Amino acid sequence: MRRWRQVDVFGAAPLAGNPVAVVLDADGLSTGQMQALARWTNLSETTFVLPATEPGADYRVRIFTPATELPFAGHPTLGTAHAWLEAGGQPSAGTEVVQQCGAGLVRVRRVDGRAAFAGPPLVRSGPLEQAVRDEVCTGLGLAPRAVLDAAWVDNGPGWLALWVADAQTVLAVRPGQLGGRYVGVVGPRPPGDLAQVEVRAFFPTAAGTAEDPVTGSLNASLATWLTAGGRVRLPYVAAQGTALGRQGRVYLTADPDDGEAVWVGGDTATVLAGTLAL
């Protein structure tokens, strides 16, 4: 029997965020078993906690969607750290958890009372190629003129992003075929709102394109892109999940010790706890 948690991440209210399943005692499971369980849970991600293999890491995590393994993902990072600490995990260096994943070592700590991770560096950036931009616009049902800017913002999963005029344009998107790409769409919310931007995230599945309720990795890379372009200033709040009936809120802040680093935070809460017979 293996300890298991299901954690709601980034929710502004109970059951309003993005759930992740966390298997806390995953040592001995094969890659095939992990993928099969992720397919069975049918959540956007399921994680598996293993002993660390790199110096300085508190644990190693493998992150699976129902279709594939990811080197890094944001809400699974926060959900896994929450579950590990709740189950008695003790950080080896002070209060900061160091998670090992396919993208390297990721730091997790409390920021303004919420769990937050240090956004990993971009592995691909720069303007989107015109052919890719046209393909994605067609797949989203967006007129090319509706996209004010587009860029690669990949910090692991493969994200690209489109900046549009307003939140209404973001919410009006109707995704179709996106060529297997991970796509974020972002636009400003009305002045005076708690959240400054509205975000939607789309990713490939075996059945086609799906929407992620709230996405830490995308918001981490969006913060790097949007602040560099002067569209927002840290700290700011991103709203996500509105189109799916969720109330996701992601809190983006600057590292007090490194103004270039972005910390991505949100509320976390265990919804289900038990054991896994696998």
C-alpha atoms as a PDB file:
ATOM      1  CA  MET A   1       0.000   0.000   0.000  1.00  0.00           C
ATOM      2  CA  ARG A   2       1.276   3.456  -0.874  1.00  0.00           C
ATOM      3  CA  ARG A   3       0.267   6.798   0.657  1.00  0.00           C
ATOM      4  CA  TRP A   4      -1.754   8.927  -1.726  1.00  0.00           C
ATOM      5  CA  ARG A   5      -3.104  12.494  -1.702  1.00  0.00           C
ATOM      6  CA  GLN A   6      -5.246  14.593  -4.014  1.00  0.00           C
ATOM      7  CA  VAL A   7      -4.444  18.282  -3.586  1.00  0.00           C
ATOM      8  CA  ASP A   8      -6.294  21.316  -4.913  1.00  0.00           C
ATOM      9  CA  VAL A   9      -3.815  23.973  -6.082  1.00  0.00           C
ATOM     10  CA  PHE A  10      -4.288  27.676  -6.902  1.00  0.00           C
ATOM     11  CA  GLY A  11      -7.961  27.709  -5.856  1.00  0.00           C
ATOM     12  CA  ALA A  12      -9.404  31.016  -4.635  1.00  0.00           C
ATOM     13  CA  ALA A  13     -12.131  28.944  -2.922  1.00  0.00           C
ATOM     14  CA  PRO A  14     -12.604  25.244  -2.010  1.00  0.00           C
ATOM     15  CA  LEU A  15     -12.536  22.981  -5.080  1.00  0.00           C
ATOM     16  CA  ALA A  16     -11.930  26.016  -7.315  1.00  0.00           C
ATOM     17  CA  GLY A  17      -8.342  25.297  -8.405  1.00  0.00           C
ATOM     18  CA  ASN A  18      -6.509  22.509 -10.234  1.00  0.00           C
ATOM     19  CA  PRO A  19      -6.282  19.050  -8.626  1.00  0.00           C
ATOM     20  CA  VAL A  20      -3.161  16.894  -8.693  1.00  0.00           C
ATOM     21  CA  ALA A  21      -2.818  13.289  -7.498  1.00  0.00           C
ATOM     22  CA  VAL A  22       0.360  12.608  -5.504  1.00  0.00           C
ATOM     23  CA  VAL A  23       1.757   9.124  -4.824  1.00  0.00           C
ATOM     24  CA  LEU A  24       4.090   9.580  -1.868  1.00  0.00           C
ATOM     25  CA  ASP A  25       5.758   6.158  -1.841  1.00  0.00           C
ATOM     26  CA  ALA A  26       6.457   5.548  -5.523  1.00  0.00           C
ATOM     27  CA  ASP A  27       9.746   3.667  -5.203  1.00  0.00           C
ATOM     28  CA  GLY A  28       9.488   0.391  -7.117  1.00  0.00           C
ATOM     29  CA  LEU A  29       6.840   1.498  -9.596  1.00  0.00           C
ATOM     30  CA  SER A  30       7.767   1.157 -13.247  1.00  0.00           C
ATOM     31  CA  THR A  31       7.352   3.932 -15.787  1.00  0.00           C
ATOM     32  CA  GLY A  32       4.543   1.905 -17.341  1.00  0.00           C
ATOM     33  CA  GLN A  33       2.708   1.657 -14.018  1.00  0.00           C
ATOM     34  CA  MET A  34       3.080   5.401 -13.428  1.00  0.00           C
ATOM     35  CA  GLN A  35       1.737   6.226 -16.868  1.00  0.00           C
ATOM     36  CA  ALA A  36      -1.149   3.777 -16.438  1.00  0.00           C
ATOM     37  CA  LEU A  37      -2.133   5.361 -13.112  1.00  0.00           C
ATOM     38  CA  ALA A  38      -1.950   8.874 -14.583  1.00  0.00           C
ATOM     39  CA  ARG A  39      -4.207   7.726 -17.399  1.00  0.00           C
ATOM     40  CA  TRP A  40      -6.603   6.193 -14.849  1.00  0.00           C
ATOM     41  CA  THR A  41      -6.814   9.271 -12.593  1.00  0.00           C
ATOM     42  CA  ASN A  42      -7.446  11.323 -15.762  1.00  0.00           C
ATOM     43  CA  LEU A  43      -6.247  14.479 -14.029  1.00  0.00           C
ATOM     44  CA  SER A  44      -4.077  16.942 -15.899  1.00  0.00           C
ATOM     45  CA  GLU A  45      -1.119  15.594 -13.871  1.00  0.00           C
ATOM     46  CA  THR A  46      -0.292  12.811 -11.423  1.00  0.00           C
ATOM     47  CA  THR A  47       3.024  12.868  -9.555  1.00  0.00           C
ATOM     48  CA  PHE A  48       5.233  10.203  -8.022  1.00  0.00           C
ATOM     49  CA  VAL A  49       7.608  10.940  -5.143  1.00  0.00           C
ATOM     50  CA  LEU A  50      10.926   9.063  -5.119  1.00  0.00           C
ATOM     51  CA  PRO A  51      14.213   9.314  -3.197  1.00  0.00           C
ATOM     52  CA  ALA A  52      16.418  12.142  -4.436  1.00  0.00           C
ATOM     53  CA  THR A  53      19.427  11.275  -6.584  1.00  0.00           C
ATOM     54  CA  GLU A  54      20.994  14.764  -6.730  1.00  0.00           C
ATOM     55  CA  PRO A  55      22.840  16.488  -3.873  1.00  0.00           C
ATOM     56  CA  GLY A  56      20.742  19.126  -2.144  1.00  0.00           C
ATOM     57  CA  ALA A  57      17.357  17.721  -3.209  1.00  0.00           C
ATOM     58  CA  ASP A  58      14.813  16.640  -0.599  1.00  0.00           C
ATOM     59  CA  TYR A  59      13.008  14.279  -2.967  1.00  0.00           C
ATOM     60  CA  ARG A  60      12.652  13.475  -6.652  1.00  0.00           C
ATOM     61  CA  VAL A  61       9.331  13.758  -8.476  1.00  0.00           C
ATOM     62  CA  ARG A  62       8.152  12.345 -11.787  1.00  0.00           C
ATOM     63  CA  ILE A  63       5.201  14.135 -13.375  1.00  0.00           C
ATOM     64  CA  PHE A  64       2.781  12.455 -15.773  1.00  0.00           C
ATOM     65  CA  THR A  65      -0.182  13.657 -17.780  1.00  0.00           C
ATOM     66  CA  PRO A  66      -2.638  10.972 -18.969  1.00  0.00           C
ATOM     67  CA  ALA A  67      -0.556  10.762 -22.160  1.00  0.00           C
ATOM     68  CA  THR A  68       3.107  11.493 -21.346  1.00  0.00           C
ATOM     69  CA  GLU A  69       5.760  12.437 -18.785  1.00  0.00           C
ATOM     70  CA  LEU A  70       6.716  16.098 -18.253  1.00  0.00           C
ATOM     71  CA  PRO A  71      10.103  17.415 -17.084  1.00  0.00           C
ATOM     72  CA  PHE A  72       8.411  20.137 -15.043  1.00  0.00           C
ATOM     73  CA  ALA A  73       4.953  21.481 -14.241  1.00  0.00           C
ATOM     74  CA  GLY A  74       3.863  24.158 -11.789  1.00  0.00           C
ATOM     75  CA  HIS A  75       0.721  23.088  -9.961  1.00  0.00           C
ATOM     76  CA  PRO A  76       2.099  19.521  -9.537  1.00  0.00           C
ATOM     77  CA  THR A  77       5.218  21.054  -7.967  1.00  0.00           C
ATOM     78  CA  LEU A  78       3.210  22.936  -5.346  1.00  0.00           C
ATOM     79  CA  GLY A  79       0.786  20.069  -4.778  1.00  0.00           C
ATOM     80  CA  THR A  80       3.603  17.554  -4.364  1.00  0.00           C
ATOM     81  CA  ALA A  81       5.519  19.761  -1.920  1.00  0.00           C
ATOM     82  CA  HIS A  82       2.292  20.318   0.063  1.00  0.00           C
ATOM     83  CA  ALA A  83       1.599  16.570   0.255  1.00  0.00           C
ATOM     84  CA  TRP A  84       5.216  15.712   1.132  1.00  0.00           C
ATOM     85  CA  LEU A  85       5.316  18.228   3.986  1.00  0.00           C
ATOM     86  CA  GLU A  86       1.874  17.201   5.242  1.00  0.00           C
ATOM     87  CA  ALA A  87       3.024  13.563   5.328  1.00  0.00           C
ATOM     88  CA  GLY A  88       5.979  14.441   7.561  1.00  0.00           C
ATOM     89  CA  GLY A  89       8.690  15.435   5.093  1.00  0.00           C
ATOM     90  CA  GLN A  90      11.411  17.637   6.562  1.00  0.00           C
ATOM     91  CA  PRO A  91      13.431  19.997   4.352  1.00  0.00           C
ATOM     92  CA  SER A  92      17.165  19.438   4.723  1.00  0.00           C
ATOM     93  CA  ALA A  93      17.989  23.140   4.463  1.00  0.00           C
ATOM     94  CA  GLY A  94      15.836  25.384   6.644  1.00  0.00           C
ATOM     95  CA  THR A  95      12.226  25.847   5.570  1.00  0.00           C
ATOM     96  CA  GLU A  96      12.780  25.729   1.807  1.00  0.00           C
ATOM     97  CA  VAL A  97      11.947  22.483  -0.005  1.00  0.00           C
ATOM     98  CA  VAL A  98      14.215  21.511  -2.896  1.00  0.00           C
ATOM     99  CA  GLN A  99      12.489  19.315  -5.460  1.00  0.00           C
ATOM    100  CA  GLN A 100      14.357  17.330  -8.091  1.00  0.00           C
ATOM    101  CA  CYS A 101      12.546  16.865 -11.391  1.00  0.00           C
ATOM    102  CA  GLY A 102      13.342  16.427 -15.069  1.00  0.00           C
ATOM    103  CA  ALA A 103      14.050  20.153 -15.415  1.00  0.00           C
ATOM    104  CA  GLY A 104      16.541  20.159 -12.517  1.00  0.00           C
ATOM    105  CA  LEU A 105      16.227  21.429  -8.952  1.00  0.00           C
ATOM    106  CA  VAL A 106      13.225  23.612  -8.095  1.00  0.00           C
ATOM    107  CA  ARG A 107      12.908  25.540  -4.826  1.00  0.00           C
ATOM    108  CA  VAL A 108       9.563  25.712  -2.998  1.00  0.00           C
ATOM    109  CA  ARG A 109       8.845  27.981  -0.018  1.00  0.00           C
ATOM    110  CA  ARG A 110       6.140  30.091   1.631  1.00  0.00           C
ATOM    111  CA  VAL A 111       5.618  33.537   0.127  1.00  0.00           C
ATOM    112  CA  ASP A 112       2.985  35.761   1.754  1.00  0.00           C
ATOM    113  CA  GLY A 113       1.485  32.691   3.413  1.00  0.00           C
ATOM    114  CA  ARG A 114       1.159  30.672   0.196  1.00  0.00           C
ATOM    115  CA  ALA A 115       3.229  27.867  -1.291  1.00  0.00           C
ATOM    116  CA  ALA A 116       5.416  29.185  -4.110  1.00  0.00           C
ATOM    117  CA  PHE A 117       8.077  27.830  -6.438  1.00  0.00           C
ATOM    118  CA  ALA A 118      10.967  29.568  -8.127  1.00  0.00           C
ATOM    119  CA  GLY A 119      10.182  29.729 -11.813  1.00  0.00           C
ATOM    120  CA  PRO A 120      12.752  27.788 -13.848  1.00  0.00           C
ATOM    121  CA  PRO A 121      14.641  29.591 -16.611  1.00  0.00           C
ATOM    122  CA  LEU A 122      13.268  29.554 -20.136  1.00  0.00           C
ATOM    123  CA  VAL A 123      14.802  26.919 -22.383  1.00  0.00           C
ATOM    124  CA  ARG A 124      13.320  28.556 -25.474  1.00  0.00           C
ATOM    125  CA  SER A 125      12.291  32.151 -26.020  1.00  0.00           C
ATOM    126  CA  GLY A 126      11.994  34.691 -28.806  1.00  0.00           C
ATOM    127  CA  PRO A 127       9.364  35.579 -31.402  1.00  0.00           C
ATOM    128  CA  LEU A 128       7.071  32.896 -32.766  1.00  0.00           C
ATOM    129  CA  GLU A 129       7.710  31.843 -36.354  1.00  0.00           C
ATOM    130  CA  GLN A 130       5.019  33.171 -38.686  1.00  0.00           C
ATOM    131  CA  ALA A 131       3.946  29.697 -39.820  1.00  0.00           C
ATOM    132  CA  VAL A 132       3.514  28.532 -36.202  1.00  0.00           C
ATOM    133  CA  ARG A 133       1.688  31.742 -35.316  1.00  0.00           C
ATOM    134  CA  ASP A 134      -0.727  31.300 -38.217  1.00  0.00           C
ATOM    135  CA  GLU A 135      -1.313  27.631 -37.335  1.00  0.00           C
ATOM    136  CA  VAL A 136      -2.081  28.427 -33.701  1.00  0.00           C
ATOM    137  CA  CYS A 137      -4.367  31.345 -34.549  1.00  0.00           C
ATOM    138  CA  THR A 138      -6.349  29.090 -36.864  1.00  0.00           C
ATOM    139  CA  GLY A 139      -6.556  26.383 -34.200  1.00  0.00           C
ATOM    140  CA  LEU A 140      -7.858  28.870 -31.624  1.00  0.00           C
ATOM    141  CA  GLY A 141     -10.277  30.597 -33.940  1.00  0.00           C
ATOM    142  CA  LEU A 142      -8.414  33.881 -33.513  1.00  0.00           C
ATOM    143  CA  ALA A 143      -8.086  36.395 -36.321  1.00  0.00           C
ATOM    144  CA  PRO A 144      -4.363  37.141 -36.840  1.00  0.00           C
ATOM    145  CA  ARG A 145      -4.969  40.832 -36.092  1.00  0.00           C
ATOM    146  CA  ALA A 146      -6.368  39.880 -32.662  1.00  0.00           C
ATOM    147  CA  VAL A 147      -2.909  38.679 -31.569  1.00  0.00           C
ATOM    148  CA  LEU A 148      -0.809  41.658 -30.521  1.00  0.00           C
ATOM    149  CA  ASP A 149       2.329  39.658 -29.772  1.00  0.00           C
ATOM    150  CA  ALA A 150       3.445  36.019 -29.775  1.00  0.00           C
ATOM    151  CA  ALA A 151       6.539  34.278 -28.439  1.00  0.00           C
ATOM    152  CA  TRP A 152       8.083  31.051 -27.249  1.00  0.00           C
ATOM    153  CA  VAL A 153       7.954  30.978 -23.434  1.00  0.00           C
ATOM    154  CA  ASP A 154       9.080  27.406 -22.879  1.00  0.00           C
ATOM    155  CA  ASN A 155      10.352  26.431 -19.426  1.00  0.00           C
ATOM    156  CA  GLY A 156       9.956  22.685 -19.904  1.00  0.00           C
ATOM    157  CA  PRO A 157       6.593  21.561 -21.297  1.00  0.00           C
ATOM    158  CA  GLY A 158       6.982  23.497 -24.574  1.00  0.00           C
ATOM    159  CA  TRP A 159       4.881  26.612 -24.005  1.00  0.00           C
ATOM    160  CA  LEU A 160       4.246  29.325 -26.541  1.00  0.00           C
ATOM    161  CA  ALA A 161       2.125  32.375 -25.721  1.00  0.00           C
ATOM    162  CA  LEU A 162      -0.186  34.837 -27.411  1.00  0.00           C
ATOM    163  CA  TRP A 163      -0.914  38.320 -26.021  1.00  0.00           C
ATOM    164  CA  VAL A 164      -4.357  39.675 -26.928  1.00  0.00           C
ATOM    165  CA  ALA A 165      -6.193  42.935 -26.280  1.00  0.00           C
ATOM    166  CA  ASP A 166      -8.374  41.994 -23.308  1.00  0.00           C
ATOM    167  CA  ALA A 167      -9.806  39.279 -21.080  1.00  0.00           C
ATOM    168  CA  GLN A 168     -12.944  39.008 -23.229  1.00  0.00           C
ATOM    169  CA  THR A 169     -10.801  37.936 -26.187  1.00  0.00           C
ATOM    170  CA  VAL A 170      -9.070  35.353 -23.998  1.00  0.00           C
ATOM    171  CA  LEU A 171     -12.395  33.921 -22.815  1.00  0.00           C
ATOM    172  CA  ALA A 172     -13.848  33.844 -26.339  1.00  0.00           C
ATOM    173  CA  VAL A 173     -11.176  31.442 -27.617  1.00  0.00           C
ATOM    174  CA  ARG A 174     -12.551  28.089 -28.814  1.00  0.00           C
ATOM    175  CA  PRO A 175      -9.610  25.708 -29.229  1.00  0.00           C
ATOM    176  CA  GLY A 176      -9.386  23.154 -32.000  1.00  0.00           C
ATOM    177  CA  GLN A 177      -6.347  21.395 -33.421  1.00  0.00           C
ATOM    178  CA  LEU A 178      -3.090  22.999 -32.281  1.00  0.00           C
ATOM    179  CA  GLY A 179      -0.596  20.613 -33.835  1.00  0.00           C
ATOM    180  CA  GLY A 180       0.318  19.016 -30.516  1.00  0.00           C
ATOM    181  CA  ARG A 181       1.501  22.328 -29.073  1.00  0.00           C
ATOM    182  CA  TYR A 182       1.298  23.742 -25.550  1.00  0.00           C
ATOM    183  CA  VAL A 183      -0.355  27.144 -25.961  1.00  0.00           C
ATOM    184  CA  GLY A 184      -1.099  29.963 -23.531  1.00  0.00           C
ATOM    185  CA  VAL A 185      -3.365  32.916 -24.244  1.00  0.00           C
ATOM    186  CA  VAL A 186      -3.206  35.993 -22.005  1.00  0.00           C
ATOM    187  CA  GLY A 187      -4.797  39.431 -21.932  1.00  0.00           C
ATOM    188  CA  PRO A 188      -5.388  42.265 -19.447  1.00  0.00           C
ATOM    189  CA  ARG A 189      -8.378  42.296 -17.106  1.00  0.00           C
ATOM    190  CA  PRO A 190     -10.267  45.525 -16.345  1.00  0.00           C
ATOM    191  CA  PRO A 191      -8.445  48.075 -14.151  1.00  0.00           C
ATOM    192  CA  GLY A 192      -9.194  47.762 -10.448  1.00  0.00           C
ATOM    193  CA  ASP A 193      -9.642  43.966 -10.518  1.00  0.00           C
ATOM    194  CA  LEU A 194      -7.648  41.889  -8.016  1.00  0.00           C
ATOM    195  CA  ALA A 195      -6.193  39.961 -10.962  1.00  0.00           C
ATOM    196  CA  GLN A 196      -4.370  41.949 -13.620  1.00  0.00           C
ATOM    197  CA  VAL A 197      -4.466  39.361 -16.414  1.00  0.00           C
ATOM    198  CA  GLU A 198      -6.699  36.511 -17.625  1.00  0.00           C
ATOM    199  CA  VAL A 199      -4.933  33.324 -18.726  1.00  0.00           C
ATOM    200  CA  ARG A 200      -5.957  30.163 -20.540  1.00  0.00           C
ATOM    201  CA  ALA A 201      -3.730  27.151 -21.224  1.00  0.00           C
ATOM    202  CA  PHE A 202      -4.185  24.407 -23.826  1.00  0.00           C
ATOM    203  CA  PHE A 203      -2.256  21.162 -24.169  1.00  0.00           C
ATOM    204  CA  PRO A 204      -2.349  18.063 -26.371  1.00  0.00           C
ATOM    205  CA  THR A 205      -3.981  14.775 -25.344  1.00  0.00           C
ATOM    206  CA  ALA A 206      -4.604  11.516 -27.142  1.00  0.00           C
ATOM    207  CA  ALA A 207      -8.110  12.768 -27.900  1.00  0.00           C
ATOM    208  CA  GLY A 208      -6.998  16.186 -29.180  1.00  0.00           C
ATOM    209  CA  THR A 209      -6.678  19.502 -27.336  1.00  0.00           C
ATOM    210  CA  ALA A 210      -7.594  19.979 -23.667  1.00  0.00           C
ATOM    211  CA  GLU A 211      -7.656  23.017 -21.381  1.00  0.00           C
ATOM    212  CA  ASP A 212      -5.790  23.101 -18.084  1.00  0.00           C
ATOM    213  CA  PRO A 213      -7.720  24.794 -15.250  1.00  0.00           C
ATOM    214  CA  VAL A 214      -4.756  26.599 -13.637  1.00  0.00           C
ATOM    215  CA  THR A 215      -1.153  26.318 -14.813  1.00  0.00           C
ATOM    216  CA  GLY A 216       1.884  27.223 -12.722  1.00  0.00           C
ATOM    217  CA  SER A 217       4.543  26.549 -15.353  1.00  0.00           C
ATOM    218  CA  LEU A 218       2.819  28.720 -17.961  1.00  0.00           C
ATOM    219  CA  ASN A 219       2.259  31.566 -15.497  1.00  0.00           C
ATOM    220  CA  ALA A 220       5.928  31.403 -14.494  1.00  0.00           C
ATOM    221  CA  SER A 221       7.086  31.836 -18.072  1.00  0.00           C
ATOM    222  CA  LEU A 222       4.390  34.410 -18.861  1.00  0.00           C
ATOM    223  CA  ALA A 223       5.625  36.533 -15.943  1.00  0.00           C
ATOM    224  CA  THR A 224       9.142  36.551 -17.394  1.00  0.00           C
ATOM    225  CA  TRP A 225       7.841  37.538 -20.839  1.00  0.00           C
ATOM    226  CA  LEU A 226       5.215  40.059 -19.757  1.00  0.00           C
ATOM    227  CA  THR A 227       7.425  41.910 -17.292  1.00  0.00           C
ATOM    228  CA  ALA A 228      10.303  42.079 -19.777  1.00  0.00           C
ATOM    229  CA  GLY A 229       7.907  43.657 -22.276  1.00  0.00           C
ATOM    230  CA  GLY A 230       6.559  46.144 -19.724  1.00  0.00           C
ATOM    231  CA  ARG A 231       2.974  44.834 -19.915  1.00  0.00           C
ATOM    232  CA  VAL A 232       2.773  44.049 -16.201  1.00  0.00           C
ATOM    233  CA  ARG A 233       4.904  44.711 -13.135  1.00  0.00           C
ATOM    234  CA  LEU A 234       5.655  42.340 -10.298  1.00  0.00           C
ATOM    235  CA  PRO A 235       3.928  41.587  -8.039  1.00  0.00           C
ATOM    236  CA  TYR A 236       0.701  40.784  -9.867  1.00  0.00           C
ATOM    237  CA  VAL A 237      -2.126  38.243  -9.818  1.00  0.00           C
ATOM    238  CA  ALA A 238      -3.271  36.115 -12.748  1.00  0.00           C
ATOM    239  CA  ALA A 239      -6.787  34.685 -13.045  1.00  0.00           C
ATOM    240  CA  GLN A 240      -7.215  31.337 -14.778  1.00  0.00           C
ATOM    241  CA  GLY A 241      -9.923  28.692 -15.083  1.00  0.00           C
ATOM    242  CA  THR A 242     -12.789  31.144 -15.591  1.00  0.00           C
ATOM    243  CA  ALA A 243     -13.892  29.439 -18.817  1.00  0.00           C
ATOM    244  CA  LEU A 244     -14.068  26.107 -16.951  1.00  0.00           C
ATOM    245  CA  GLY A 245     -16.031  27.407 -13.974  1.00  0.00           C
ATOM    246  CA  ARG A 246     -12.957  27.544 -11.713  1.00  0.00           C
ATOM    247  CA  GLN A 247     -11.569  30.432  -9.671  1.00  0.00           C
ATOM    248  CA  GLY A 248      -7.850  30.004 -10.091  1.00  0.00           C
ATOM    249  CA  ARG A 249      -5.565  32.738  -8.764  1.00  0.00           C
ATOM    250  CA  VAL A 250      -1.808  32.684  -9.287  1.00  0.00           C
ATOM    251  CA  TYR A 251       0.383  35.116  -7.346  1.00  0.00           C
ATOM    252  CA  LEU A 252       3.539  36.229  -9.155  1.00  0.00           C
ATOM    253  CA  THR A 253       6.250  37.962  -7.118  1.00  0.00           C
ATOM    254  CA  ALA A 254       9.868  38.962  -7.551  1.00  0.00           C
ATOM    255  CA  ASP A 255      12.596  37.239  -5.556  1.00  0.00           C
ATOM    256  CA  PRO A 256      13.732  39.745  -2.892  1.00  0.00           C
ATOM    257  CA  ASP A 257      17.309  38.486  -3.324  1.00  0.00           C
ATOM    258  CA  ASP A 258      17.251  38.347  -7.131  1.00  0.00           C
ATOM    259  CA  GLY A 259      15.031  40.806  -8.968  1.00  0.00           C
ATOM    260  CA  GLU A 260      15.229  38.725 -12.148  1.00  0.00           C
ATOM    261  CA  ALA A 261      13.731  35.579 -10.580  1.00  0.00           C
ATOM    262  CA  VAL A 262       9.963  35.015 -10.436  1.00  0.00           C
ATOM    263  CA  TRP A 263       8.167  33.161  -7.655  1.00  0.00           C
ATOM    264  CA  VAL A 264       4.841  31.530  -8.507  1.00  0.00           C
ATOM    265  CA  GLY A 265       2.475  31.043  -5.580  1.00  0.00           C
ATOM    266  CA  GLY A 266      -1.016  29.918  -4.739  1.00  0.00           C
ATOM    267  CA  ASP A 267      -3.188  28.284  -2.122  1.00  0.00           C
ATOM    268  CA  THR A 268      -2.973  24.502  -1.647  1.00  0.00           C
ATOM    269  CA  ALA A 269      -5.382  22.182   0.182  1.00  0.00           C
ATOM    270  CA  THR A 270      -5.630  18.406   0.568  1.00  0.00           C
ATOM    271  CA  VAL A 271      -9.035  17.180  -0.579  1.00  0.00           C
ATOM    272  CA  LEU A 272      -8.532  13.412  -0.466  1.00  0.00           C
ATOM    273  CA  ALA A 273      -6.041  11.281   1.480  1.00  0.00           C
ATOM    274  CA  GLY A 274      -5.656   7.536   1.623  1.00  0.00           C
ATOM    275  CA  THR A 275      -3.669   4.595   0.312  1.00  0.00           C
ATOM    276  CA  LEU A 276      -3.078   3.260  -3.159  1.00  0.00           C
ATOM    277  CA  ALA A 277      -3.168  -0.483  -3.854  1.00  0.00           C
ATOM    278  CA  LEU A 278      -0.537  -0.728  -6.585  1.00  0.00           C
END
